[in-house]
């Protein structure tokens, strides 16, 4: 009994300390969101690297605590949630320190990392209570594909099937999905439930999703767990499919389909996915986020064409439906934290020449225009930046036909060869149909440069501005 009481007292003390930290703005939970290949792993690694190596070559002049000499230091500390994987910062740094340096392996599930950041308060009430304060930063990393599942919470199986099948019947998915759709049209939904048949169909649908994401470069992938299942790999909850033509089925037959029918099993598994996977993930994590950064790779969809770029725009809109926003007052921080600062970051800015960075920001602003209007109405602090969490190129000038042209130099990822190139012009507005026909984009992927050791700061573009926007007010 004494042991139980001690455990209860310890938990209560931890909770009280957490509430106290929140009440005086000494705790921030940062959500790092981005679709596959947007650079989430590199971003988190760089953010942590910049903070723990400040004073050892880190270039953070636009981060006020550093610029004003109030930054004392940062270190990694044990995370709060013991049942969540730890973000493997050391493994990522090992990749950057390799010879030759390589990009770290991307994350395939949720992970966390916690930092304790010491600083001297200047403008907040803390300066009257202490000469040194600590900000605890909890960073949560998770696949952006999982975020695309959250809008499913408001859709019935029939509505989701209609929406998904509409996508499957349009370019660029149509050609690859045609045989699958034709096969489904031969299936009797009211036949006896057949788990083997459903497993085979869901596997075929999963292969389509992999094709859409990794070969066509598309962003709207539902259900997201199908391509990044984590611990649910092989579970029946991931074995369902969208079914065409449900709107033509008699409504009474649809509603009364028993669990022993194929339709009934599809409906049951879809519902279980929403409640046991999507809703559970939301309740455990999303409601706790204070700040959010959305990473978007605009260059790869430009390479892949008009449809891929439109798909990215739709994916970003779906992601932003998933969050609660609102200014963070004292009671809100204590009992119902909500995101009050949102940063959209166009990644891989080092893959284009510096004078193209404003175009990259303008293009991202166009992508998020409708979402930004809604969030501005809610009085959320929003910022858009072009960044490179790990800078891989050097910018310069080169003579071409007697004229100076801007160029970048770096190691091409495909063959590790050093190249000097003008990578192309980024459109400042969403390109129209005629523009896509006339222009060919060919932005090149680059490999990271090497470090001499983990104590060296990673080169970057505007990570100090990222830190200032996300943390500067909490360290004032």
Foldseek 3Di string as FASTA:
>chain_A
DVVVVVVVVVVVVVLVVLLVCLLQLQEAEEEEAEAPPLCSLLQVLQLVLLQQLPVPARDQCLQVQVVVVFWDGKDWDDDDDPVFAANCSVQQQVQQADVFRFGGDDDLAKHKTKMWTKGAFDPGPVNVVDRIGIHIYMYMYGHNLQLLCQVCLPPALQRVLAVVVVVCCDPPNVVVCVVLLVVLVVDDQLAFADLVVLQVSLVSVLVSLCCCCPVLVFGNGPPSCSPRVPPCVPPCLSRADRHPDPVVDDPVCLVPRDCRTNSVVNRVSSVCCCVVPNVVVCVVPQQLHAAYEYRYAQQVLLQSFDVRNVRSLVSVVSSLVNFDEADDDSVCSNPTHGYQEYEYEHEPLLLAAPVQFLLSQLAVCQSCVVVVVVVVVRVGHYYYGYKYSFRFWDWDWDADPRDIDIWIWGQFPVPRHIDIGRQDHRHSYSDDPVRRVVDRGDRTDGGGGHDNDSSHNGDMGCVSVVCCRSCVVSRD
